[in-house]
Amino acid sequence: MSSTAQRKPLPFSANFAAGAIAGISEILTFYPLGTLYVKTRMQLATGKSAGFVGTFGAIIKEEGAGRLYRGLVPPLLLEAPKRATKFAANDFWGKTFRNMAGTDKMTQNLSILTGCFAGATESVVVVPFELVKIKLQDKASTFAGPMDVVRKVIAADGVLGLYAGMEATFWRHWWWNGGYFGSIFQVKAMMPKATTPQGELFNNFVSGAIGGFIGTALNTPCVVKSRIQNTPKVLGVVPKYNWTYPALVTMAREEGVVALYKGFVPKVLRLAPGGGVLLLVVEFTLDLFRKALGPPYI
């Protein structure tokens, strides 16, 4: 987030609200493409991947176009608190690390560190919603809906069962946000300074889209998160997919290194432009807050 020495930083609540608005805008824009559903189905497949187009076509042919929208409710309910937490946490950790470093200015290294810690914070909010989404999107799913998943998971594994895959989710968000916010800082520094509001929106979209691409490239090997969350827990049996990095080794050994990038295409098709929309809406909304609050925030 950009700021000046003269302008007072906006309060936590403003960053939280801006993130929530951006999250809802992004999910409504990109979920109809079906990329969320196709990406998860590709990641759950253990055999040879049919690819994005093949998986997309097979879902429509075998299960109907409506199936692409299954699992939409959890992401919709999730995006507001998830993105709100992302940007509010990024602002909080940015201030914290700048104070620790004794500087008022953000640097490349601080922006990466700030993004990583924002992702770690966000992961705590995300896990239960992600678990519900993945179980609903599995081809073999027999759940009636989101609350049916919640009830049955709690009945089988207790409340902590909703946090299956926490460790893998932590690493996924750690790498994505570190790449996202770190890239935004660098790309903005390289782009010509905007002289109009439209130019500023363009810069935000481009830097956010590049950040979304880089974050996705960094965290896609954490594809194993979907398998960890979708693996049934059997008493006395160690799950095949249990911890992130050992599971990645298992996948690479059994299915080849390319398997670690299953779902990359639909994921990046959403998260690259989605990252641009996120930053554009966040910065636009924060600017509206500054104008509404007036000095010393302007």
Foldseek 3Di string as FASTA:
>chain_A
DDDDPQADDDDLVLLLQLQLVLQLVQCVVPLLVLLVLLLLQQLQDQADGPDSVRSQVCCCVPPNSVLSCALVVLSNVQRSNLRSLLRSQLVVQLVVVCVVVVHPDDDLVSQLVSQLRSLLRSLVSCQLSVLLSLLRSHPPRPAPGSVSVCVVQCVVPNPCSSNFLSQLSSQLRNQLRSQQRSQLVVQLVVDDDDPDPVSVLVSLQQSQLNSQLRSLVRRLLSSLSSVRSNDDDDPPDDDCRHHRPVNSVVSCVPPNNVSSNGSSVSSSVSRNSSRSSSRSSSVVSSVVVCVVVDPPND
